[in-house]
Amino acid sequence: MSRPEPTDPPVLGRRPLLQGCLACGAAVVGLGALSACGGPQTTPTVPAPGPLATLDQVPVGGTVVVTSPNGAPVALVRPNAGTVVAHSAICTHQGCSVSPAGATLACPCHGSVFDAATGAVQQGPADRPLPAIPVQIQGQSVVVT
């Protein structure tokens, strides 16, 4: 009775090996990019022109977050009786809604802090300011222009 001859393992050529390595590398890079961003980043919704609030809803020296008619969250700041400024209330880091916290707007998701009056980043991880929204006082209303 004869025994089967042992066979050598197949030899993988350079081209298939290189193609396999490139495919795996691309998959790893893709997964790394997805995990680095932590989820989908959102672009702040721009409010449609129109009224946002009445002046009595925004206390002098205070900040409130309102929702525009098209669903965009907007931070309204009233530094004095005759001025209201507005910024998107969506954190530029990963799109969470910010909340008033004294003279700042704070993101509860990752701890970013923004100056309420200017939208400037005071503490990261956000590295871009909150986008300004043009508003003006018309009668007793704060209106997106």
C-alpha atoms as a PDB file:
ATOM      1  CA  MET A   1       0.000   0.000   0.000  1.00  0.00           C
ATOM      2  CA  SER A   2       1.407   3.348  -0.901  1.00  0.00           C
ATOM      3  CA  ARG A   3       1.233   6.415   1.229  1.00  0.00           C
ATOM      4  CA  PRO A   4       0.210   9.703  -0.303  1.00  0.00           C
ATOM      5  CA  GLU A   5       3.092  12.027  -0.907  1.00  0.00           C
ATOM      6  CA  PRO A   6       3.146  15.074   1.351  1.00  0.00           C
ATOM      7  CA  THR A   7       2.386  18.215  -0.573  1.00  0.00           C
ATOM      8  CA  ASP A   8       3.879  21.598  -0.043  1.00  0.00           C
ATOM      9  CA  PRO A   9       1.497  24.347   0.959  1.00  0.00           C
ATOM     10  CA  PRO A  10       0.494  26.576  -1.927  1.00  0.00           C
ATOM     11  CA  VAL A  11       2.776  29.516  -2.497  1.00  0.00           C
ATOM     12  CA  LEU A  12       1.024  32.847  -2.623  1.00  0.00           C
ATOM     13  CA  GLY A  13       2.421  35.161  -5.263  1.00  0.00           C
ATOM     14  CA  ARG A  14       3.322  38.775  -4.583  1.00  0.00           C
ATOM     15  CA  ARG A  15       0.393  40.282  -6.483  1.00  0.00           C
ATOM     16  CA  PRO A  16      -2.441  38.457  -4.609  1.00  0.00           C
ATOM     17  CA  LEU A  17      -0.635  39.045  -1.327  1.00  0.00           C
ATOM     18  CA  LEU A  18      -0.253  42.766  -2.029  1.00  0.00           C
ATOM     19  CA  GLN A  19      -3.876  43.090  -3.134  1.00  0.00           C
ATOM     20  CA  GLY A  20      -5.028  41.377   0.049  1.00  0.00           C
ATOM     21  CA  CYS A  21      -2.903  43.681   2.187  1.00  0.00           C
ATOM     22  CA  LEU A  22      -4.249  46.775   0.419  1.00  0.00           C
ATOM     23  CA  ALA A  23      -7.847  45.638   0.896  1.00  0.00           C
ATOM     24  CA  CYS A  24      -7.299  44.966   4.589  1.00  0.00           C
ATOM     25  CA  GLY A  25      -5.486  48.284   5.029  1.00  0.00           C
ATOM     26  CA  ALA A  26      -8.331  50.193   3.396  1.00  0.00           C
ATOM     27  CA  ALA A  27     -10.853  48.458   5.631  1.00  0.00           C
ATOM     28  CA  VAL A  28      -8.853  49.273   8.758  1.00  0.00           C
ATOM     29  CA  VAL A  29      -8.438  52.921   7.718  1.00  0.00           C
ATOM     30  CA  GLY A  30     -12.158  53.160   6.985  1.00  0.00           C
ATOM     31  CA  LEU A  31     -13.076  51.733  10.376  1.00  0.00           C
ATOM     32  CA  GLY A  32     -10.581  54.058  12.048  1.00  0.00           C
ATOM     33  CA  ALA A  33     -12.118  57.073  10.353  1.00  0.00           C
ATOM     34  CA  LEU A  34     -15.602  56.033  11.445  1.00  0.00           C
ATOM     35  CA  SER A  35     -14.583  55.484  15.033  1.00  0.00           C
ATOM     36  CA  ALA A  36     -12.579  58.720  15.138  1.00  0.00           C
ATOM     37  CA  CYS A  37     -15.581  60.865  14.317  1.00  0.00           C
ATOM     38  CA  GLY A  38     -17.766  59.142  16.884  1.00  0.00           C
ATOM     39  CA  GLY A  39     -20.823  59.272  14.685  1.00  0.00           C
ATOM     40  CA  PRO A  40     -22.319  61.419  11.990  1.00  0.00           C
ATOM     41  CA  GLN A  41     -21.565  65.092  12.237  1.00  0.00           C
ATOM     42  CA  THR A  42     -24.443  67.366  11.524  1.00  0.00           C
ATOM     43  CA  THR A  43     -24.566  70.700   9.849  1.00  0.00           C
ATOM     44  CA  PRO A  44     -26.463  73.272  11.898  1.00  0.00           C
ATOM     45  CA  THR A  45     -29.958  73.832  10.564  1.00  0.00           C
ATOM     46  CA  VAL A  46     -30.342  77.401   9.363  1.00  0.00           C
ATOM     47  CA  PRO A  47     -33.535  78.999  10.637  1.00  0.00           C
ATOM     48  CA  ALA A  48     -35.942  80.354   8.053  1.00  0.00           C
ATOM     49  CA  PRO A  49     -36.494  84.122   8.041  1.00  0.00           C
ATOM     50  CA  GLY A  50     -39.234  85.153  10.438  1.00  0.00           C
ATOM     51  CA  PRO A  51     -40.008  85.662  14.130  1.00  0.00           C
ATOM     52  CA  LEU A  52     -38.171  83.638  16.783  1.00  0.00           C
ATOM     53  CA  ALA A  53     -39.357  85.098  20.080  1.00  0.00           C
ATOM     54  CA  THR A  54     -40.791  88.159  21.731  1.00  0.00           C
ATOM     55  CA  LEU A  55     -38.478  90.527  23.579  1.00  0.00           C
ATOM     56  CA  ASP A  56     -40.026  89.652  26.938  1.00  0.00           C
ATOM     57  CA  GLN A  57     -38.937  86.009  26.407  1.00  0.00           C
ATOM     58  CA  VAL A  58     -35.256  87.056  26.303  1.00  0.00           C
ATOM     59  CA  PRO A  59     -34.277  88.696  29.606  1.00  0.00           C
ATOM     60  CA  VAL A  60     -31.778  91.574  29.540  1.00  0.00           C
ATOM     61  CA  GLY A  61     -28.391  90.054  30.361  1.00  0.00           C
ATOM     62  CA  GLY A  62     -29.700  86.556  29.687  1.00  0.00           C
ATOM     63  CA  THR A  63     -29.709  83.784  27.112  1.00  0.00           C
ATOM     64  CA  VAL A  64     -32.497  81.497  25.949  1.00  0.00           C
ATOM     65  CA  VAL A  65     -32.603  78.715  23.382  1.00  0.00           C
ATOM     66  CA  VAL A  66     -35.668  78.740  21.136  1.00  0.00           C
ATOM     67  CA  THR A  67     -36.777  76.609  18.226  1.00  0.00           C
ATOM     68  CA  SER A  68     -37.382  78.369  14.928  1.00  0.00           C
ATOM     69  CA  PRO A  69     -40.512  77.562  12.911  1.00  0.00           C
ATOM     70  CA  ASN A  70     -38.458  75.213  10.687  1.00  0.00           C
ATOM     71  CA  GLY A  71     -37.002  73.375  13.713  1.00  0.00           C
ATOM     72  CA  ALA A  72     -33.579  75.020  13.998  1.00  0.00           C
ATOM     73  CA  PRO A  73     -32.472  75.533  17.619  1.00  0.00           C
ATOM     74  CA  VAL A  74     -31.275  79.116  18.116  1.00  0.00           C
ATOM     75  CA  ALA A  75     -29.542  80.717  21.105  1.00  0.00           C
ATOM     76  CA  LEU A  76     -30.749  84.282  21.681  1.00  0.00           C
ATOM     77  CA  VAL A  77     -28.601  86.560  23.850  1.00  0.00           C
ATOM     78  CA  ARG A  78     -29.708  89.987  25.047  1.00  0.00           C
ATOM     79  CA  PRO A  79     -26.671  91.912  26.325  1.00  0.00           C
ATOM     80  CA  ASN A  80     -28.739  95.098  26.799  1.00  0.00           C
ATOM     81  CA  ALA A  81     -32.326  96.270  26.347  1.00  0.00           C
ATOM     82  CA  GLY A  82     -31.853  97.292  22.711  1.00  0.00           C
ATOM     83  CA  THR A  83     -29.698  94.430  21.393  1.00  0.00           C
ATOM     84  CA  VAL A  84     -30.265  90.749  20.685  1.00  0.00           C
ATOM     85  CA  VAL A  85     -27.663  88.489  19.061  1.00  0.00           C
ATOM     86  CA  ALA A  86     -28.206  84.929  17.906  1.00  0.00           C
ATOM     87  CA  HIS A  87     -26.140  81.824  17.229  1.00  0.00           C
ATOM     88  CA  SER A  88     -26.906  78.278  16.225  1.00  0.00           C
ATOM     89  CA  ALA A  89     -27.561  76.194  19.332  1.00  0.00           C
ATOM     90  CA  ILE A  90     -25.958  73.146  17.696  1.00  0.00           C
ATOM     91  CA  CYS A  91     -22.459  72.281  18.935  1.00  0.00           C
ATOM     92  CA  THR A  92     -19.889  72.356  16.144  1.00  0.00           C
ATOM     93  CA  HIS A  93     -18.151  69.276  17.554  1.00  0.00           C
ATOM     94  CA  GLN A  94     -20.762  66.564  16.971  1.00  0.00           C
ATOM     95  CA  GLY A  95     -24.107  68.257  16.656  1.00  0.00           C
ATOM     96  CA  CYS A  96     -25.536  68.084  20.191  1.00  0.00           C
ATOM     97  CA  SER A  97     -27.781  70.905  21.404  1.00  0.00           C
ATOM     98  CA  VAL A  98     -26.122  73.456  23.677  1.00  0.00           C
ATOM     99  CA  SER A  99     -27.803  74.967  26.741  1.00  0.00           C
ATOM    100  CA  PRO A 100     -27.437  78.353  28.458  1.00  0.00           C
ATOM    101  CA  ALA A 101     -25.068  78.335  31.422  1.00  0.00           C
ATOM    102  CA  GLY A 102     -24.635  81.896  32.656  1.00  0.00           C
ATOM    103  CA  ALA A 103     -22.611  83.864  30.100  1.00  0.00           C
ATOM    104  CA  THR A 104     -21.852  80.672  28.163  1.00  0.00           C
ATOM    105  CA  LEU A 105     -23.518  77.955  26.123  1.00  0.00           C
ATOM    106  CA  ALA A 106     -22.512  74.466  27.261  1.00  0.00           C
ATOM    107  CA  CYS A 107     -22.635  71.207  25.350  1.00  0.00           C
ATOM    108  CA  PRO A 108     -23.680  68.318  27.597  1.00  0.00           C
ATOM    109  CA  CYS A 109     -22.317  65.636  25.250  1.00  0.00           C
ATOM    110  CA  HIS A 110     -18.561  66.262  25.354  1.00  0.00           C
ATOM    111  CA  GLY A 111     -18.067  69.397  27.456  1.00  0.00           C
ATOM    112  CA  SER A 112     -17.535  72.099  24.846  1.00  0.00           C
ATOM    113  CA  VAL A 113     -18.250  75.620  26.099  1.00  0.00           C
ATOM    114  CA  PHE A 114     -19.004  78.678  23.950  1.00  0.00           C
ATOM    115  CA  ASP A 115     -19.233  82.384  24.739  1.00  0.00           C
ATOM    116  CA  ALA A 116     -22.972  83.118  24.550  1.00  0.00           C
ATOM    117  CA  ALA A 117     -22.535  86.648  23.154  1.00  0.00           C
ATOM    118  CA  THR A 118     -20.006  85.804  20.433  1.00  0.00           C
ATOM    119  CA  GLY A 119     -20.301  82.052  19.848  1.00  0.00           C
ATOM    120  CA  ALA A 120     -16.510  81.709  20.305  1.00  0.00           C
ATOM    121  CA  VAL A 121     -15.136  78.426  21.667  1.00  0.00           C
ATOM    122  CA  GLN A 122     -14.002  78.782  25.282  1.00  0.00           C
ATOM    123  CA  GLN A 123     -13.361  75.080  25.888  1.00  0.00           C
ATOM    124  CA  GLY A 124     -13.094  72.157  23.459  1.00  0.00           C
ATOM    125  CA  PRO A 125     -13.288  69.580  22.048  1.00  0.00           C
ATOM    126  CA  ALA A 126     -15.174  71.857  19.603  1.00  0.00           C
ATOM    127  CA  ASP A 127     -12.708  73.852  17.537  1.00  0.00           C
ATOM    128  CA  ARG A 128     -15.127  76.044  15.553  1.00  0.00           C
ATOM    129  CA  PRO A 129     -17.398  78.783  16.880  1.00  0.00           C
ATOM    130  CA  LEU A 130     -21.169  78.564  16.808  1.00  0.00           C
ATOM    131  CA  PRO A 131     -22.415  80.078  13.537  1.00  0.00           C
ATOM    132  CA  ALA A 132     -23.942  83.549  13.930  1.00  0.00           C
ATOM    133  CA  ILE A 133     -27.542  84.036  12.856  1.00  0.00           C
ATOM    134  CA  PRO A 134     -28.580  87.499  11.684  1.00  0.00           C
ATOM    135  CA  VAL A 135     -31.478  88.797  13.787  1.00  0.00           C
ATOM    136  CA  GLN A 136     -33.030  92.155  14.521  1.00  0.00           C
ATOM    137  CA  ILE A 137     -35.644  93.577  16.818  1.00  0.00           C
ATOM    138  CA  GLN A 138     -38.859  94.477  15.011  1.00  0.00           C
ATOM    139  CA  GLY A 139     -41.386  96.007  17.378  1.00  0.00           C
ATOM    140  CA  GLN A 140     -41.553  93.524  20.251  1.00  0.00           C
ATOM    141  CA  SER A 141     -40.255  90.553  18.222  1.00  0.00           C
ATOM    142  CA  VAL A 142     -36.834  89.075  17.547  1.00  0.00           C
ATOM    143  CA  VAL A 143     -36.768  88.190  13.849  1.00  0.00           C
ATOM    144  CA  VAL A 144     -34.323  86.231  11.671  1.00  0.00           C
ATOM    145  CA  THR A 145     -33.366  88.495   8.765  1.00  0.00           C
END
